[in-house]
N, C-alpha and C. Protein backbone atom coordinates (compact mmCIF):
# COMPACT_ATOMS: atom_id res chain seq x y z
N MET A 1 0.79 -1.19 0.08
CA MET A 1 -0.01 -0.17 -0.07
C MET A 1 1.00 1.27 0.06
N GLN A 2 0.67 2.24 -0.93
CA GLN A 2 1.41 3.36 -1.03
C GLN A 2 0.50 4.50 -0.54
N VAL A 3 1.10 5.39 0.44
CA VAL A 3 0.23 6.40 1.03
C VAL A 3 0.88 7.79 0.40
N ASP A 4 -0.21 8.25 -0.35
CA ASP A 4 0.23 9.49 -1.15
C ASP A 4 -0.42 10.75 -0.20
N THR A 5 0.44 11.81 -0.13
CA THR A 5 -0.09 12.79 0.74
C THR A 5 -0.02 13.97 -0.09
N ASP A 6 -0.94 15.01 -0.19
CA ASP A 6 -0.85 16.40 -0.81
C ASP A 6 -1.70 17.33 0.10
N ARG A 7 -1.21 17.83 0.88
CA ARG A 7 -1.85 18.68 2.00
C ARG A 7 -1.37 20.16 2.04
N ARG A 8 -2.12 21.20 2.25
CA ARG A 8 -1.74 22.54 2.64
C ARG A 8 -2.09 22.97 3.92
N TYR A 9 -1.20 23.66 4.63
CA TYR A 9 -1.60 24.21 6.08
C TYR A 9 -0.96 25.78 6.00
N THR A 10 -1.89 26.50 6.69
CA THR A 10 -1.66 27.83 6.84
C THR A 10 -1.26 28.34 8.22
N PHE A 11 -0.28 29.08 8.37
CA PHE A 11 0.37 29.42 9.68
C PHE A 11 0.17 31.03 9.51
N ALA A 12 -0.02 31.54 10.67
CA ALA A 12 -0.15 32.97 10.87
C ALA A 12 1.24 33.79 11.06
N VAL A 13 2.26 33.33 10.35
CA VAL A 13 3.40 34.12 10.39
C VAL A 13 4.08 33.99 9.04
N ALA A 14 5.01 35.18 8.92
CA ALA A 14 5.64 35.46 7.45
C ALA A 14 6.51 34.20 7.06
N PRO A 15 6.79 33.80 5.92
CA PRO A 15 7.42 32.65 5.71
C PRO A 15 8.91 32.52 6.15
N GLU A 16 9.42 33.88 6.23
CA GLU A 16 10.79 33.69 6.71
C GLU A 16 10.83 33.44 8.19
N ASP A 17 9.91 33.96 9.03
CA ASP A 17 9.79 33.64 10.42
C ASP A 17 9.35 32.04 10.65
N LEU A 18 8.59 31.49 9.65
CA LEU A 18 8.23 29.91 9.68
C LEU A 18 9.64 29.37 9.60
N TRP A 19 10.13 29.67 8.36
CA TRP A 19 11.50 29.05 8.14
C TRP A 19 12.29 29.18 9.32
N ALA A 20 12.62 30.11 9.79
CA ALA A 20 13.43 30.30 11.04
C ALA A 20 13.17 29.28 12.11
N THR A 21 11.78 29.21 12.31
CA THR A 21 11.33 28.21 13.31
C THR A 21 11.71 26.93 13.08
N VAL A 22 11.19 26.38 11.88
CA VAL A 22 11.28 25.07 11.28
C VAL A 22 12.67 24.61 11.51
N THR A 23 13.84 25.51 11.16
CA THR A 23 15.22 25.11 11.19
C THR A 23 15.72 24.79 12.52
N GLN A 24 14.98 24.76 13.61
CA GLN A 24 15.33 24.75 14.96
C GLN A 24 15.06 23.12 15.12
N VAL A 25 15.98 22.29 14.72
CA VAL A 25 15.79 21.02 14.65
C VAL A 25 15.86 20.36 16.10
N ASP A 26 16.84 21.20 16.76
CA ASP A 26 17.00 20.74 18.28
C ASP A 26 15.90 20.63 19.18
N ARG A 27 14.80 21.36 18.56
CA ARG A 27 13.54 21.43 19.55
C ARG A 27 12.33 20.47 19.00
N TYR A 28 12.81 19.50 17.94
CA TYR A 28 11.65 18.72 17.35
C TYR A 28 10.92 17.95 18.36
N GLN A 29 11.88 17.43 19.22
CA GLN A 29 11.36 16.29 20.25
C GLN A 29 10.49 16.95 21.25
N GLU A 30 10.83 18.22 21.57
CA GLU A 30 10.19 19.11 22.50
C GLU A 30 8.68 19.46 21.76
N TRP A 31 8.72 19.84 20.51
CA TRP A 31 7.21 20.11 20.09
C TRP A 31 6.50 18.87 19.90
N TRP A 32 7.29 17.78 19.37
CA TRP A 32 6.50 16.46 18.97
C TRP A 32 6.72 15.43 19.99
N PRO A 33 6.04 14.99 20.99
CA PRO A 33 6.22 14.06 21.80
C PRO A 33 5.98 12.61 21.18
N TRP A 34 5.53 12.29 20.02
CA TRP A 34 5.56 11.16 19.40
C TRP A 34 6.78 10.75 18.61
N LEU A 35 7.66 11.81 18.60
CA LEU A 35 8.88 11.86 17.91
C LEU A 35 9.77 11.16 18.93
N ARG A 36 9.96 9.81 18.93
CA ARG A 36 10.62 9.29 20.06
C ARG A 36 12.10 9.19 20.02
N ARG A 37 12.56 9.31 18.75
CA ARG A 37 14.09 9.21 18.46
C ARG A 37 14.23 10.37 17.53
N PHE A 38 15.30 11.15 17.62
CA PHE A 38 15.56 12.03 16.46
C PHE A 38 17.00 12.41 16.57
N ASP A 39 17.66 12.11 15.78
CA ASP A 39 19.23 12.67 15.81
C ASP A 39 19.68 13.66 14.70
N GLY A 40 18.67 14.34 14.08
CA GLY A 40 19.13 15.40 13.21
C GLY A 40 19.76 16.72 13.94
N THR A 41 20.55 17.28 13.11
CA THR A 41 21.34 18.40 13.87
C THR A 41 21.16 19.90 13.26
N GLU A 42 20.71 19.55 11.84
CA GLU A 42 20.56 20.69 10.88
C GLU A 42 19.61 20.52 9.79
N LEU A 43 18.93 21.53 9.39
CA LEU A 43 18.01 21.34 8.17
C LEU A 43 18.78 21.96 7.00
N VAL A 44 19.78 21.22 6.40
CA VAL A 44 20.58 21.60 5.43
C VAL A 44 20.82 20.37 4.44
N GLN A 45 20.97 20.81 3.15
CA GLN A 45 21.13 19.68 2.07
C GLN A 45 22.22 18.72 2.59
N ASP A 46 21.91 17.40 2.32
CA ASP A 46 22.74 16.31 2.48
C ASP A 46 22.77 15.88 4.00
N ALA A 47 21.69 16.56 4.82
CA ALA A 47 21.82 16.16 6.21
C ALA A 47 20.97 14.70 6.23
N ARG A 48 21.29 14.05 7.18
CA ARG A 48 20.75 12.60 7.48
C ARG A 48 20.34 12.59 8.69
N TRP A 49 19.01 12.41 8.79
CA TRP A 49 18.19 12.38 10.08
C TRP A 49 17.71 10.89 10.41
N ARG A 50 17.82 10.48 11.85
CA ARG A 50 17.31 9.17 11.84
C ARG A 50 16.17 9.38 12.96
N CYS A 51 14.98 8.91 12.75
CA CYS A 51 13.66 8.98 13.47
C CYS A 51 13.14 7.74 13.88
N THR A 52 12.37 7.80 14.87
CA THR A 52 11.29 6.89 15.56
C THR A 52 10.14 7.58 15.58
N VAL A 53 9.06 7.33 15.13
CA VAL A 53 7.70 7.95 15.41
C VAL A 53 6.67 6.83 16.00
N GLN A 54 6.17 7.31 17.04
CA GLN A 54 4.96 6.33 17.60
C GLN A 54 3.71 7.06 17.43
N PRO A 55 3.01 6.31 16.43
CA PRO A 55 1.61 7.03 16.21
C PRO A 55 0.87 6.29 17.32
N PRO A 56 -0.56 6.73 17.50
CA PRO A 56 -1.50 5.95 18.32
C PRO A 56 -1.79 4.70 17.98
N LEU A 57 -0.91 3.84 17.67
CA LEU A 57 -0.94 2.50 17.17
C LEU A 57 0.15 1.28 17.61
N PRO A 58 -0.14 0.30 17.94
CA PRO A 58 0.68 -0.60 18.68
C PRO A 58 2.14 -1.12 17.91
N TYR A 59 2.62 0.04 17.19
CA TYR A 59 3.84 -0.21 16.49
C TYR A 59 4.69 1.09 16.25
N ALA A 60 5.99 1.19 16.35
CA ALA A 60 6.69 2.35 15.97
C ALA A 60 7.19 2.32 14.62
N VAL A 61 7.63 3.22 13.95
CA VAL A 61 8.18 3.40 12.60
C VAL A 61 9.36 4.06 12.70
N ARG A 62 10.41 3.18 12.23
CA ARG A 62 11.84 3.87 12.26
C ARG A 62 12.43 4.06 10.72
N PHE A 63 12.95 5.34 10.69
CA PHE A 63 13.36 5.56 9.24
C PHE A 63 14.27 6.59 9.32
N ALA A 64 14.94 6.69 8.11
CA ALA A 64 16.08 8.01 8.05
C ALA A 64 15.32 8.94 6.97
N VAL A 65 15.67 10.01 7.08
CA VAL A 65 15.53 11.31 6.24
C VAL A 65 16.62 11.75 5.73
N CYS A 66 16.90 11.63 4.43
CA CYS A 66 18.09 12.28 3.75
C CYS A 66 17.45 13.61 2.99
N LEU A 67 18.14 14.60 3.54
CA LEU A 67 17.65 15.70 2.72
C LEU A 67 18.42 16.07 1.43
N ASP A 68 17.94 15.81 0.35
CA ASP A 68 18.60 15.94 -1.03
C ASP A 68 18.62 17.17 -1.48
N GLN A 69 17.73 18.15 -0.93
CA GLN A 69 17.58 19.37 -1.47
C GLN A 69 17.07 20.30 -0.41
N VAL A 70 17.72 21.58 -0.13
CA VAL A 70 17.16 22.23 0.70
C VAL A 70 17.38 23.82 0.09
N ASP A 71 16.30 24.43 -0.20
CA ASP A 71 16.41 25.93 -0.73
C ASP A 71 15.76 26.62 0.43
N ALA A 72 16.53 27.16 1.19
CA ALA A 72 15.87 28.18 2.16
C ALA A 72 15.71 29.44 1.64
N PRO A 73 14.65 30.13 2.17
CA PRO A 73 13.64 29.76 3.22
C PRO A 73 12.27 29.23 2.49
N MET A 74 12.55 28.34 1.51
CA MET A 74 11.16 27.91 0.87
C MET A 74 10.99 26.52 0.54
N ALA A 75 11.83 25.76 0.59
CA ALA A 75 11.59 24.29 0.21
C ALA A 75 12.62 23.45 0.53
N ALA A 76 12.34 21.90 0.74
CA ALA A 76 13.13 21.01 1.25
C ALA A 76 12.48 19.71 0.45
N ARG A 77 13.48 19.01 -0.06
CA ARG A 77 13.23 17.78 -0.56
C ARG A 77 13.92 16.62 0.11
N ALA A 78 13.21 15.45 0.17
CA ALA A 78 14.02 14.42 1.02
C ALA A 78 13.61 13.06 0.50
N THR A 79 14.36 12.02 0.66
CA THR A 79 14.36 10.59 0.44
C THR A 79 14.10 10.01 1.87
N VAL A 80 13.05 9.13 1.98
CA VAL A 80 12.90 8.53 3.24
C VAL A 80 13.31 6.73 2.98
N SER A 81 13.95 6.31 3.96
CA SER A 81 14.19 4.92 4.17
C SER A 81 14.18 4.38 5.39
N GLY A 82 13.89 3.11 5.46
CA GLY A 82 13.85 2.40 6.74
C GLY A 82 12.49 1.50 6.76
N ASP A 83 11.86 1.65 7.75
CA ASP A 83 10.51 0.75 7.88
C ASP A 83 9.46 1.46 6.79
N VAL A 84 9.68 2.67 6.40
CA VAL A 84 8.96 3.33 5.23
C VAL A 84 10.02 3.81 4.22
N VAL A 85 9.54 3.93 3.16
CA VAL A 85 10.44 4.27 2.08
C VAL A 85 9.60 5.20 0.92
N GLY A 86 10.33 6.13 0.57
CA GLY A 86 9.62 7.16 -0.45
C GLY A 86 10.33 8.43 -0.45
N HIS A 87 9.53 9.51 -0.84
CA HIS A 87 10.03 10.80 -1.03
C HIS A 87 9.10 11.73 -0.42
N ALA A 88 9.56 13.05 0.01
CA ALA A 88 8.82 14.11 0.40
C ALA A 88 9.19 15.37 0.08
N HIS A 89 8.16 16.26 -0.15
CA HIS A 89 8.71 17.62 -0.64
C HIS A 89 7.82 18.69 0.24
N ILE A 90 8.61 19.70 0.73
CA ILE A 90 7.59 20.58 1.36
C ILE A 90 8.18 22.06 0.90
N THR A 91 7.19 22.81 0.60
CA THR A 91 7.39 24.24 0.26
C THR A 91 6.57 25.06 1.23
N ILE A 92 7.35 26.34 1.19
CA ILE A 92 6.69 27.34 2.11
C ILE A 92 6.55 28.64 1.20
N GLY A 93 5.30 29.12 1.35
CA GLY A 93 5.09 30.43 0.49
C GLY A 93 4.28 31.32 1.23
N PRO A 94 4.11 32.60 0.77
CA PRO A 94 3.18 33.51 1.40
C PRO A 94 1.91 33.10 1.11
N ALA A 95 0.92 33.73 2.30
CA ALA A 95 -0.45 33.56 2.01
C ALA A 95 -0.98 34.66 2.69
N ALA A 96 -2.47 34.90 2.50
CA ALA A 96 -2.88 36.00 2.96
C ALA A 96 -2.97 36.07 4.43
N ALA A 97 -2.96 35.01 5.14
CA ALA A 97 -2.91 34.88 6.63
C ALA A 97 -1.51 34.87 7.05
N GLY A 98 -0.53 34.61 6.39
CA GLY A 98 0.79 34.54 6.64
C GLY A 98 1.75 33.65 5.93
N SER A 99 1.66 32.31 6.01
CA SER A 99 2.39 31.36 5.34
C SER A 99 1.40 30.30 4.96
N GLU A 100 1.75 29.53 3.74
CA GLU A 100 1.14 28.47 3.38
C GLU A 100 2.13 27.27 3.28
N VAL A 101 2.12 26.06 3.84
CA VAL A 101 3.01 25.09 3.52
C VAL A 101 2.51 23.96 2.83
N HIS A 102 3.01 23.59 1.98
CA HIS A 102 2.45 22.53 0.94
C HIS A 102 3.20 21.20 1.17
N VAL A 103 2.73 20.03 1.70
CA VAL A 103 3.44 18.67 1.99
C VAL A 103 2.92 17.87 0.72
N ARG A 104 4.06 17.49 0.11
CA ARG A 104 3.80 16.40 -0.71
C ARG A 104 4.56 15.19 -0.35
N ALA A 105 4.03 13.70 -0.41
CA ALA A 105 4.99 12.68 0.03
C ALA A 105 4.36 11.54 -0.72
N THR A 106 5.02 10.60 -0.95
CA THR A 106 4.71 9.22 -1.46
C THR A 106 5.55 8.13 -0.64
N LEU A 107 4.86 7.67 0.30
CA LEU A 107 5.48 6.58 1.33
C LEU A 107 4.85 5.18 1.09
N SER A 108 5.69 4.16 1.15
CA SER A 108 5.32 2.88 1.13
C SER A 108 5.89 2.05 2.45
N PRO A 109 5.28 1.02 2.85
CA PRO A 109 5.79 0.30 4.05
C PRO A 109 7.06 -0.57 3.40
N ALA A 110 8.14 -0.77 4.05
CA ALA A 110 9.12 -1.52 3.60
C ALA A 110 9.54 -2.73 4.49
N ASN A 111 9.10 -2.68 5.76
CA ASN A 111 9.52 -3.93 6.54
C ASN A 111 8.06 -4.70 6.49
N GLY A 112 8.43 -6.05 6.75
CA GLY A 112 7.53 -7.23 6.63
C GLY A 112 6.30 -6.99 7.39
N PHE A 113 6.44 -6.39 8.68
CA PHE A 113 5.20 -6.43 9.40
C PHE A 113 4.38 -5.26 8.94
N LEU A 114 4.86 -4.12 8.45
CA LEU A 114 3.95 -2.86 8.07
C LEU A 114 3.43 -3.13 6.70
N ARG A 115 4.15 -4.01 5.92
CA ARG A 115 3.54 -4.45 4.68
C ARG A 115 2.28 -5.37 4.99
N VAL A 116 2.48 -6.14 5.95
CA VAL A 116 1.33 -7.20 6.20
C VAL A 116 0.30 -6.22 6.63
N VAL A 117 0.26 -5.34 7.70
CA VAL A 117 -0.52 -4.55 8.25
C VAL A 117 -1.37 -3.70 7.28
N SER A 118 -0.36 -3.23 6.11
CA SER A 118 -0.90 -2.31 5.23
C SER A 118 -1.85 -3.08 4.19
N ARG A 119 -1.72 -4.29 3.87
CA ARG A 119 -2.38 -5.20 3.17
C ARG A 119 -3.92 -5.70 3.73
N VAL A 120 -3.82 -5.86 5.20
CA VAL A 120 -5.09 -6.41 5.84
C VAL A 120 -5.82 -5.29 6.61
N ALA A 121 -4.87 -4.15 6.80
CA ALA A 121 -5.64 -3.08 7.52
C ALA A 121 -5.39 -1.70 6.93
N GLY A 122 -5.33 -1.64 5.76
CA GLY A 122 -4.79 -0.24 4.98
C GLY A 122 -5.37 1.19 5.71
N PRO A 123 -6.64 1.08 6.30
CA PRO A 123 -7.31 2.20 6.69
C PRO A 123 -6.45 2.63 8.06
N VAL A 124 -5.89 1.63 8.80
CA VAL A 124 -5.41 1.80 9.76
C VAL A 124 -3.96 2.45 9.68
N VAL A 125 -3.50 2.06 8.65
CA VAL A 125 -1.93 2.69 8.24
C VAL A 125 -2.29 4.05 8.01
N ARG A 126 -3.42 4.29 7.04
CA ARG A 126 -3.45 5.78 6.69
C ARG A 126 -3.86 6.60 7.84
N PHE A 127 -4.70 6.01 8.84
CA PHE A 127 -5.04 6.78 10.06
C PHE A 127 -3.68 7.16 10.81
N GLY A 128 -2.80 6.33 10.91
CA GLY A 128 -1.73 6.41 11.74
C GLY A 128 -0.82 7.64 11.03
N HIS A 129 -0.63 7.59 9.71
CA HIS A 129 0.01 8.48 8.88
C HIS A 129 -0.86 9.88 8.98
N ASP A 130 -2.16 10.01 8.88
CA ASP A 130 -2.71 11.31 9.08
C ASP A 130 -2.80 11.78 10.45
N TRP A 131 -2.69 10.89 11.39
CA TRP A 131 -2.74 11.24 12.69
C TRP A 131 -1.45 12.22 13.05
N VAL A 132 -0.22 11.62 12.69
CA VAL A 132 1.09 12.14 12.50
C VAL A 132 1.13 13.45 11.94
N LEU A 133 0.76 13.64 10.89
CA LEU A 133 0.58 15.04 10.16
C LEU A 133 -0.26 16.11 10.82
N ASP A 134 -1.35 15.65 11.12
CA ASP A 134 -2.35 16.48 11.78
C ASP A 134 -1.76 16.79 13.47
N SER A 135 -1.40 15.98 13.92
CA SER A 135 -0.70 16.17 15.34
C SER A 135 0.50 17.15 15.18
N ALA A 136 1.25 16.87 13.97
CA ALA A 136 2.36 17.75 13.98
C ALA A 136 2.07 19.11 13.84
N VAL A 137 1.08 19.52 12.89
CA VAL A 137 0.83 20.80 12.63
C VAL A 137 0.09 21.69 13.93
N ARG A 138 -0.77 20.83 14.56
CA ARG A 138 -1.48 21.30 15.58
C ARG A 138 -0.58 21.64 16.85
N GLN A 139 0.52 20.52 17.03
CA GLN A 139 1.61 20.84 18.09
C GLN A 139 2.53 21.91 17.58
N PHE A 140 2.99 22.03 16.55
CA PHE A 140 3.93 23.05 16.10
C PHE A 140 3.17 24.45 16.25
N THR A 141 2.06 24.57 16.00
CA THR A 141 1.45 25.68 16.10
C THR A 141 1.13 26.38 17.59
N SER A 142 0.98 25.08 18.33
CA SER A 142 0.79 25.43 19.81
C SER A 142 2.16 25.68 20.57
N ARG A 143 2.98 24.95 20.12
CA ARG A 143 4.17 24.86 20.90
C ARG A 143 5.52 25.74 20.39
N ALA A 144 5.42 25.79 19.17
CA ALA A 144 6.71 26.52 18.42
C ALA A 144 6.37 28.02 17.94
N LEU A 145 5.30 28.34 17.68
CA LEU A 145 4.60 29.67 17.20
C LEU A 145 4.07 30.55 18.11
């Protein structure tokens, strides 16, 4: 099962201010308690982050994010490998209310357990993915901005 994401979020801060906050990677675990492990140090091209995410499901997802391209202060493109594999692209631009973030990703389970779960309970996998995104935006807004 492949999970495709194409979402837009609005934040009440200027794009440059949003980017300045997003680059504070040392605060990610403070903002997002479901991010159980994170060893990233910078949001720069060629950085490699190792992550463990715990959605509200009986499994954790471990993966690496390789930042293939970073165009500060407006975009980042990454390759994901580990329990899930795929690509993600985030852009930040101006919006009437401040900034708009556009998140696009294509992810697929790569380990045996997640592949089985996605085959027999695809909606559960989608729920976990959407929960992480929705929680990330809500928590970022309340804790970082």
